[in-house]
Amino acid sequence: MMHPKFSLLRLLRDTNSWFAAETVGRMEKLILCALEWRTRSITPFAFLRYFLASNSAPSSISTPSLGNEPSPSSPAPREGDGYKPSVVAAASLLSAASDLFPAQFAAFRSAVRACIFLDKVTLEACFDALEEDKAERNHHVDS
């Protein structure tokens, strides 16, 4: 691996430095390599508490009761669908809330959709996929 010469004193003296995006990317890569960081996989479970922390979450949902693994019977978007873990988490909570808290669902949905970090169209597509999967599972159980 190539180690470019770096002067901390020069960087500290030159306070008006502007870095190009690729330079910042290279610096990040150098730092991660130097610290020997390993990348962790990010799952939807990492985002559940964020969405539940909103004031609109139904009060009967407790975050400690959330499991760390998905239930085998729980519908989930297929791996090839390409949804971000945050979108899957939000759509999964909406799907569960529609069943468990129908009276509070509209308010909860509005609060989740208000999150500036979520693309509303993608969230709705993921939610629809979960609902379709849920309907298919219910149809198979009824048959």
N, C-alpha and C. Protein backbone atom coordinates (compact mmCIF):
# COMPACT_ATOMS: atom_id res chain seq x y z
N MET A 1 0.84 -1.18 0.00
CA MET A 1 0.00 0.00 0.00
C MET A 1 0.89 1.24 0.00
N MET A 2 0.52 2.21 -0.76
CA MET A 2 1.30 3.43 -0.87
C MET A 2 1.01 4.35 0.32
N HIS A 3 2.04 4.89 0.95
CA HIS A 3 1.91 5.79 2.08
C HIS A 3 2.35 7.18 1.64
N PRO A 4 1.39 8.07 1.33
CA PRO A 4 1.79 9.42 0.92
C PRO A 4 2.37 10.19 2.09
N LYS A 5 3.27 11.12 1.78
CA LYS A 5 3.86 11.94 2.83
C LYS A 5 2.80 12.92 3.33
N PHE A 6 2.73 13.02 4.63
CA PHE A 6 1.70 13.84 5.25
C PHE A 6 2.34 14.66 6.36
N SER A 7 2.07 15.94 6.36
CA SER A 7 2.61 16.83 7.38
C SER A 7 1.46 17.43 8.18
N LEU A 8 1.35 17.03 9.43
CA LEU A 8 0.30 17.53 10.30
C LEU A 8 0.50 19.03 10.54
N LEU A 9 1.75 19.44 10.70
CA LEU A 9 2.01 20.87 10.92
C LEU A 9 1.55 21.72 9.75
N ARG A 10 1.79 21.23 8.54
CA ARG A 10 1.36 21.96 7.35
C ARG A 10 -0.17 22.05 7.30
N LEU A 11 -0.83 20.98 7.66
CA LEU A 11 -2.28 20.96 7.66
C LEU A 11 -2.83 21.93 8.70
N LEU A 12 -2.23 21.97 9.89
CA LEU A 12 -2.69 22.86 10.94
C LEU A 12 -2.44 24.32 10.62
N ARG A 13 -1.31 24.62 9.93
CA ARG A 13 -0.99 25.99 9.56
C ARG A 13 -1.94 26.50 8.47
N ASP A 14 -2.27 25.66 7.54
CA ASP A 14 -3.10 26.04 6.41
C ASP A 14 -4.56 25.82 6.75
N THR A 15 -5.18 26.80 7.42
CA THR A 15 -6.55 26.64 7.89
C THR A 15 -7.59 26.81 6.78
N ASN A 16 -7.20 27.32 5.65
CA ASN A 16 -8.14 27.51 4.55
C ASN A 16 -8.08 26.37 3.53
N SER A 17 -7.71 25.20 3.98
CA SER A 17 -7.60 24.06 3.06
C SER A 17 -8.98 23.57 2.65
N TRP A 18 -9.09 23.29 1.37
CA TRP A 18 -10.30 22.68 0.82
C TRP A 18 -9.86 21.38 0.18
N PHE A 19 -10.57 20.33 0.49
CA PHE A 19 -10.19 19.03 -0.03
C PHE A 19 -11.22 18.56 -1.06
N ALA A 20 -10.71 17.97 -2.11
CA ALA A 20 -11.59 17.39 -3.12
C ALA A 20 -12.22 16.12 -2.55
N ALA A 21 -13.36 15.74 -3.07
CA ALA A 21 -14.07 14.57 -2.56
C ALA A 21 -13.22 13.31 -2.64
N GLU A 22 -12.48 13.15 -3.73
CA GLU A 22 -11.66 11.94 -3.84
C GLU A 22 -10.50 11.95 -2.85
N THR A 23 -10.01 13.16 -2.50
CA THR A 23 -8.94 13.26 -1.50
C THR A 23 -9.48 12.85 -0.13
N VAL A 24 -10.68 13.31 0.20
CA VAL A 24 -11.29 12.95 1.47
C VAL A 24 -11.52 11.43 1.51
N GLY A 25 -12.00 10.87 0.43
CA GLY A 25 -12.20 9.42 0.35
C GLY A 25 -10.91 8.66 0.57
N ARG A 26 -9.82 9.16 -0.03
CA ARG A 26 -8.52 8.52 0.15
C ARG A 26 -8.06 8.61 1.61
N MET A 27 -8.29 9.77 2.23
CA MET A 27 -7.92 9.94 3.64
C MET A 27 -8.72 8.99 4.52
N GLU A 28 -10.01 8.88 4.26
CA GLU A 28 -10.84 7.96 5.04
C GLU A 28 -10.33 6.53 4.91
N LYS A 29 -9.98 6.14 3.70
CA LYS A 29 -9.49 4.78 3.47
C LYS A 29 -8.16 4.55 4.21
N LEU A 30 -7.29 5.54 4.18
CA LEU A 30 -6.01 5.43 4.90
C LEU A 30 -6.22 5.28 6.41
N ILE A 31 -7.15 6.08 6.93
CA ILE A 31 -7.43 6.01 8.37
C ILE A 31 -8.01 4.66 8.74
N LEU A 32 -8.98 4.20 7.97
CA LEU A 32 -9.60 2.90 8.26
C LEU A 32 -8.57 1.77 8.18
N CYS A 33 -7.69 1.84 7.19
CA CYS A 33 -6.65 0.81 7.07
C CYS A 33 -5.67 0.88 8.23
N ALA A 34 -5.30 2.10 8.62
CA ALA A 34 -4.34 2.26 9.72
C ALA A 34 -4.93 1.75 11.04
N LEU A 35 -6.21 1.96 11.24
CA LEU A 35 -6.85 1.52 12.48
C LEU A 35 -7.35 0.08 12.40
N GLU A 36 -7.20 -0.51 11.24
CA GLU A 36 -7.63 -1.87 11.00
C GLU A 36 -9.10 -2.09 11.36
N TRP A 37 -9.93 -1.13 10.98
CA TRP A 37 -11.36 -1.25 11.23
C TRP A 37 -11.95 -2.28 10.30
N ARG A 38 -12.87 -2.98 10.79
CA ARG A 38 -13.62 -3.94 9.98
C ARG A 38 -15.00 -3.34 9.74
N THR A 39 -15.51 -3.56 8.58
CA THR A 39 -16.85 -3.06 8.31
C THR A 39 -17.86 -4.02 8.89
N ARG A 40 -18.86 -3.47 9.51
CA ARG A 40 -19.94 -4.27 10.08
C ARG A 40 -21.11 -4.23 9.12
N SER A 41 -21.86 -5.30 9.10
CA SER A 41 -23.06 -5.26 8.29
C SER A 41 -24.12 -4.49 9.06
N ILE A 42 -24.84 -3.68 8.37
CA ILE A 42 -25.89 -2.89 8.99
C ILE A 42 -27.22 -3.53 8.62
N THR A 43 -27.97 -3.89 9.64
CA THR A 43 -29.26 -4.54 9.43
C THR A 43 -30.38 -3.58 9.81
N PRO A 44 -31.59 -3.90 9.42
CA PRO A 44 -32.71 -3.03 9.81
C PRO A 44 -32.86 -2.88 11.32
N PHE A 45 -32.38 -3.86 12.10
CA PHE A 45 -32.52 -3.77 13.55
C PHE A 45 -31.77 -2.57 14.12
N ALA A 46 -30.75 -2.11 13.43
CA ALA A 46 -29.99 -0.95 13.90
C ALA A 46 -30.84 0.32 13.87
N PHE A 47 -31.91 0.33 13.08
CA PHE A 47 -32.72 1.53 12.90
C PHE A 47 -34.04 1.49 13.66
N LEU A 48 -34.41 0.35 14.24
CA LEU A 48 -35.72 0.24 14.89
C LEU A 48 -35.89 1.24 16.03
N ARG A 49 -34.89 1.34 16.89
CA ARG A 49 -34.99 2.25 18.03
C ARG A 49 -35.13 3.71 17.57
N TYR A 50 -34.49 4.04 16.47
CA TYR A 50 -34.58 5.41 15.95
C TYR A 50 -36.02 5.75 15.61
N PHE A 51 -36.70 4.86 14.90
CA PHE A 51 -38.08 5.13 14.50
C PHE A 51 -39.04 5.02 15.68
N LEU A 52 -38.74 4.14 16.62
CA LEU A 52 -39.61 4.01 17.79
C LEU A 52 -39.41 5.15 18.77
N ALA A 53 -38.29 5.83 18.70
CA ALA A 53 -38.02 6.93 19.62
C ALA A 53 -38.88 8.15 19.31
N SER A 54 -39.48 8.18 18.15
CA SER A 54 -40.34 9.33 17.82
C SER A 54 -41.53 9.34 18.77
N ASN A 55 -42.04 10.49 19.06
CA ASN A 55 -43.15 10.62 20.00
C ASN A 55 -44.42 9.96 19.51
N SER A 56 -44.47 9.61 18.24
CA SER A 56 -45.70 9.06 17.68
C SER A 56 -45.79 7.55 17.79
N ALA A 57 -44.74 6.91 18.29
CA ALA A 57 -44.78 5.45 18.40
C ALA A 57 -45.83 5.06 19.43
N PRO A 58 -46.65 4.06 19.11
CA PRO A 58 -47.63 3.61 20.09
C PRO A 58 -46.95 3.24 21.40
N SER A 59 -47.52 3.69 22.51
CA SER A 59 -46.87 3.54 23.82
C SER A 59 -46.71 2.09 24.25
N SER A 60 -47.49 1.19 23.68
CA SER A 60 -47.39 -0.21 24.11
C SER A 60 -46.24 -0.96 23.44
N ILE A 61 -45.52 -0.30 22.51
CA ILE A 61 -44.34 -0.92 21.92
C ILE A 61 -43.17 -0.58 22.83
N SER A 62 -42.52 -1.57 23.36
CA SER A 62 -41.35 -1.31 24.20
C SER A 62 -40.11 -1.77 23.46
N THR A 63 -39.10 -0.92 23.42
CA THR A 63 -37.89 -1.26 22.70
C THR A 63 -37.14 -2.43 23.31
N PRO A 64 -37.12 -2.63 24.63
CA PRO A 64 -36.40 -3.80 25.14
C PRO A 64 -37.02 -5.12 24.68
N SER A 65 -38.32 -5.10 24.34
CA SER A 65 -38.96 -6.34 23.93
C SER A 65 -38.67 -6.70 22.48
N LEU A 66 -38.02 -5.81 21.76
CA LEU A 66 -37.68 -6.10 20.38
C LEU A 66 -36.61 -7.17 20.32
N GLY A 67 -36.80 -8.13 19.49
CA GLY A 67 -35.81 -9.18 19.34
C GLY A 67 -34.64 -8.72 18.50
N ASN A 68 -33.59 -9.50 18.50
CA ASN A 68 -32.43 -9.18 17.68
C ASN A 68 -32.43 -9.95 16.38
N GLU A 69 -33.32 -10.88 16.24
CA GLU A 69 -33.38 -11.68 15.03
C GLU A 69 -34.79 -11.65 14.47
N PRO A 70 -34.93 -11.71 13.17
CA PRO A 70 -36.28 -11.71 12.60
C PRO A 70 -36.97 -13.04 12.89
N SER A 71 -38.26 -12.95 13.01
CA SER A 71 -39.05 -14.16 13.19
C SER A 71 -39.11 -14.89 11.85
N PRO A 72 -39.03 -16.22 11.84
CA PRO A 72 -39.06 -16.94 10.57
C PRO A 72 -40.35 -16.70 9.80
N SER A 73 -41.43 -16.37 10.52
CA SER A 73 -42.69 -16.17 9.83
C SER A 73 -42.92 -14.72 9.45
N SER A 74 -42.00 -13.83 9.85
CA SER A 74 -42.21 -12.42 9.54
C SER A 74 -41.88 -12.14 8.08
N PRO A 75 -42.77 -11.39 7.42
CA PRO A 75 -42.48 -11.06 6.03
C PRO A 75 -41.30 -10.12 5.95
N ALA A 76 -40.49 -10.27 4.94
CA ALA A 76 -39.33 -9.40 4.77
C ALA A 76 -39.09 -9.21 3.28
N PRO A 77 -38.64 -8.02 2.92
CA PRO A 77 -38.30 -7.83 1.51
C PRO A 77 -37.19 -8.78 1.11
N ARG A 78 -37.27 -9.24 -0.11
CA ARG A 78 -36.25 -10.16 -0.60
C ARG A 78 -34.93 -9.42 -0.80
N GLU A 79 -33.85 -10.14 -0.66
CA GLU A 79 -32.51 -9.55 -0.69
C GLU A 79 -32.26 -8.76 -1.98
N GLY A 80 -32.78 -9.22 -3.08
CA GLY A 80 -32.54 -8.57 -4.36
C GLY A 80 -33.35 -7.31 -4.58
N ASP A 81 -34.24 -6.97 -3.64
CA ASP A 81 -35.09 -5.79 -3.82
C ASP A 81 -34.32 -4.49 -3.70
N GLY A 82 -33.18 -4.51 -3.02
CA GLY A 82 -32.32 -3.35 -2.95
C GLY A 82 -32.76 -2.25 -2.00
N TYR A 83 -33.60 -2.54 -1.03
CA TYR A 83 -34.00 -1.52 -0.07
C TYR A 83 -32.92 -1.34 0.98
N LYS A 84 -32.70 -0.10 1.40
CA LYS A 84 -31.74 0.21 2.45
C LYS A 84 -32.28 -0.33 3.78
N PRO A 85 -31.38 -0.70 4.70
CA PRO A 85 -31.84 -1.21 6.00
C PRO A 85 -32.76 -0.24 6.73
N SER A 86 -32.52 1.06 6.62
CA SER A 86 -33.38 2.03 7.29
C SER A 86 -34.79 2.01 6.72
N VAL A 87 -34.90 1.82 5.41
CA VAL A 87 -36.22 1.76 4.77
C VAL A 87 -36.94 0.48 5.19
N VAL A 88 -36.22 -0.63 5.24
CA VAL A 88 -36.82 -1.90 5.66
C VAL A 88 -37.32 -1.79 7.11
N ALA A 89 -36.53 -1.16 7.97
CA ALA A 89 -36.94 -0.99 9.37
C ALA A 89 -38.21 -0.16 9.47
N ALA A 90 -38.24 0.96 8.77
CA ALA A 90 -39.41 1.84 8.83
C ALA A 90 -40.64 1.14 8.25
N ALA A 91 -40.48 0.48 7.11
CA ALA A 91 -41.62 -0.21 6.48
C ALA A 91 -42.09 -1.38 7.35
N SER A 92 -41.18 -2.07 7.99
CA SER A 92 -41.55 -3.19 8.88
C SER A 92 -42.34 -2.69 10.08
N LEU A 93 -41.91 -1.58 10.66
CA LEU A 93 -42.65 -1.02 11.78
C LEU A 93 -44.03 -0.56 11.35
N LEU A 94 -44.12 0.03 10.17
CA LEU A 94 -45.43 0.45 9.67
C LEU A 94 -46.34 -0.76 9.44
N SER A 95 -45.76 -1.82 8.89
CA SER A 95 -46.53 -3.02 8.64
C SER A 95 -47.04 -3.62 9.95
N ALA A 96 -46.18 -3.68 10.94
CA ALA A 96 -46.60 -4.22 12.25
C ALA A 96 -47.63 -3.31 12.90
N ALA A 97 -47.42 -2.01 12.82
CA ALA A 97 -48.35 -1.06 13.43
C ALA A 97 -49.72 -1.12 12.77
N SER A 98 -49.76 -1.39 11.47
CA SER A 98 -51.07 -1.47 10.80
C SER A 98 -51.89 -2.63 11.34
N ASP A 99 -51.23 -3.69 11.78
CA ASP A 99 -51.94 -4.84 12.36
C ASP A 99 -52.22 -4.66 13.84
N LEU A 100 -51.21 -4.17 14.57
CA LEU A 100 -51.30 -4.13 16.03
C LEU A 100 -52.00 -2.89 16.57
N PHE A 101 -51.87 -1.75 15.87
CA PHE A 101 -52.40 -0.49 16.35
C PHE A 101 -53.15 0.25 15.25
N PRO A 102 -54.22 -0.34 14.74
CA PRO A 102 -54.90 0.29 13.59
C PRO A 102 -55.42 1.70 13.89
N ALA A 103 -55.81 1.96 15.13
CA ALA A 103 -56.33 3.29 15.47
C ALA A 103 -55.23 4.35 15.45
N GLN A 104 -54.01 3.96 15.74
CA GLN A 104 -52.89 4.91 15.80
C GLN A 104 -52.04 4.87 14.53
N PHE A 105 -52.40 4.01 13.59
CA PHE A 105 -51.56 3.80 12.42
C PHE A 105 -51.35 5.07 11.59
N ALA A 106 -52.40 5.83 11.36
CA ALA A 106 -52.27 7.03 10.51
C ALA A 106 -51.27 8.02 11.10
N ALA A 107 -51.35 8.24 12.40
CA ALA A 107 -50.43 9.18 13.04
C ALA A 107 -49.01 8.65 13.01
N PHE A 108 -48.85 7.35 13.26
CA PHE A 108 -47.52 6.75 13.25
C PHE A 108 -46.93 6.81 11.85
N ARG A 109 -47.75 6.51 10.85
CA ARG A 109 -47.29 6.55 9.46
C ARG A 109 -46.85 7.97 9.09
N SER A 110 -47.60 8.96 9.48
CA SER A 110 -47.24 10.35 9.19
C SER A 110 -45.91 10.73 9.83
N ALA A 111 -45.72 10.28 11.08
CA ALA A 111 -44.47 10.60 11.78
C ALA A 111 -43.28 9.92 11.11
N VAL A 112 -43.43 8.67 10.72
CA VAL A 112 -42.32 7.96 10.06
C VAL A 112 -42.04 8.59 8.70
N ARG A 113 -43.08 8.92 7.96
CA ARG A 113 -42.90 9.54 6.65
C ARG A 113 -42.27 10.93 6.76
N ALA A 114 -42.39 11.57 7.92
CA ALA A 114 -41.81 12.90 8.10
C ALA A 114 -40.30 12.85 8.28
N CYS A 115 -39.75 11.68 8.45
CA CYS A 115 -38.30 11.55 8.61
C CYS A 115 -37.61 12.04 7.33
N ILE A 116 -36.73 13.00 7.48
CA ILE A 116 -36.08 13.60 6.31
C ILE A 116 -35.07 12.67 5.65
N PHE A 117 -34.69 11.60 6.36
CA PHE A 117 -33.68 10.70 5.82
C PHE A 117 -34.28 9.58 4.96
N LEU A 118 -35.60 9.52 4.89
CA LEU A 118 -36.26 8.46 4.11
C LEU A 118 -36.85 9.01 2.84
N ASP A 119 -36.67 8.28 1.77
CA ASP A 119 -37.33 8.61 0.52
C ASP A 119 -38.75 8.04 0.60
N LYS A 120 -39.74 8.91 0.50
CA LYS A 120 -41.13 8.50 0.70
C LYS A 120 -41.59 7.47 -0.32
N VAL A 121 -41.17 7.61 -1.56
CA VAL A 121 -41.57 6.68 -2.62
C VAL A 121 -40.99 5.30 -2.35
N THR A 122 -39.72 5.25 -1.97
CA THR A 122 -39.08 3.97 -1.66
C THR A 122 -39.71 3.33 -0.43
N LEU A 123 -40.01 4.15 0.58
CA LEU A 123 -40.66 3.64 1.79
C LEU A 123 -42.01 3.01 1.44
N GLU A 124 -42.79 3.70 0.63
CA GLU A 124 -44.11 3.16 0.25
C GLU A 124 -43.97 1.88 -0.56
N ALA A 125 -42.98 1.83 -1.45
CA ALA A 125 -42.78 0.62 -2.25
C ALA A 125 -42.39 -0.57 -1.36
N CYS A 126 -41.54 -0.33 -0.40
CA CYS A 126 -41.13 -1.38 0.53
C CYS A 126 -42.30 -1.81 1.40
N PHE A 127 -43.07 -0.85 1.90
CA PHE A 127 -44.24 -1.14 2.70
C PHE A 127 -45.24 -1.97 1.90
N ASP A 128 -45.48 -1.58 0.65
CA ASP A 128 -46.40 -2.33 -0.21
C ASP A 128 -45.90 -3.76 -0.43
N ALA A 129 -44.58 -3.92 -0.60
CA ALA A 129 -44.01 -5.26 -0.79
C ALA A 129 -44.23 -6.11 0.46
N LEU A 130 -44.06 -5.51 1.62
CA LEU A 130 -44.30 -6.23 2.88
C LEU A 130 -45.76 -6.61 3.03
N GLU A 131 -46.65 -5.70 2.68
CA GLU A 131 -48.08 -5.98 2.79
C GLU A 131 -48.51 -7.07 1.81
N GLU A 132 -47.95 -7.05 0.60
CA GLU A 132 -48.25 -8.11 -0.37
C GLU A 132 -47.75 -9.46 0.13
N ASP A 133 -46.54 -9.46 0.69
CA ASP A 133 -45.98 -10.69 1.23
C ASP A 133 -46.84 -11.20 2.39
N LYS A 134 -47.30 -10.27 3.22
CA LYS A 134 -48.14 -10.64 4.35
C LYS A 134 -49.46 -11.23 3.85
N ALA A 135 -50.04 -10.63 2.82
CA ALA A 135 -51.30 -11.13 2.26
C ALA A 135 -51.11 -12.53 1.67
N GLU A 136 -49.99 -12.76 0.98
CA GLU A 136 -49.70 -14.09 0.42
C GLU A 136 -49.58 -15.12 1.52
N ARG A 137 -48.88 -14.76 2.60
CA ARG A 137 -48.71 -15.70 3.72
C ARG A 137 -50.06 -16.02 4.37
N ASN A 138 -50.90 -14.99 4.54
CA ASN A 138 -52.22 -15.22 5.12
C ASN A 138 -53.08 -16.08 4.20
N HIS A 139 -52.95 -15.90 2.90
CA HIS A 139 -53.71 -16.69 1.94
C HIS A 139 -53.31 -18.16 2.02
N HIS A 140 -52.00 -18.42 2.14
CA HIS A 140 -51.51 -19.79 2.24
C HIS A 140 -51.95 -20.46 3.54
N VAL A 141 -52.02 -19.67 4.61
CA VAL A 141 -52.45 -20.21 5.90
C VAL A 141 -53.93 -20.56 5.85
N ASP A 142 -54.72 -19.70 5.18
CA ASP A 142 -56.16 -19.93 5.08
C ASP A 142 -56.50 -21.10 4.16
N SER A 143 -55.62 -21.40 3.22
CA SER A 143 -55.90 -22.47 2.24
C SER A 143 -55.77 -23.84 2.84
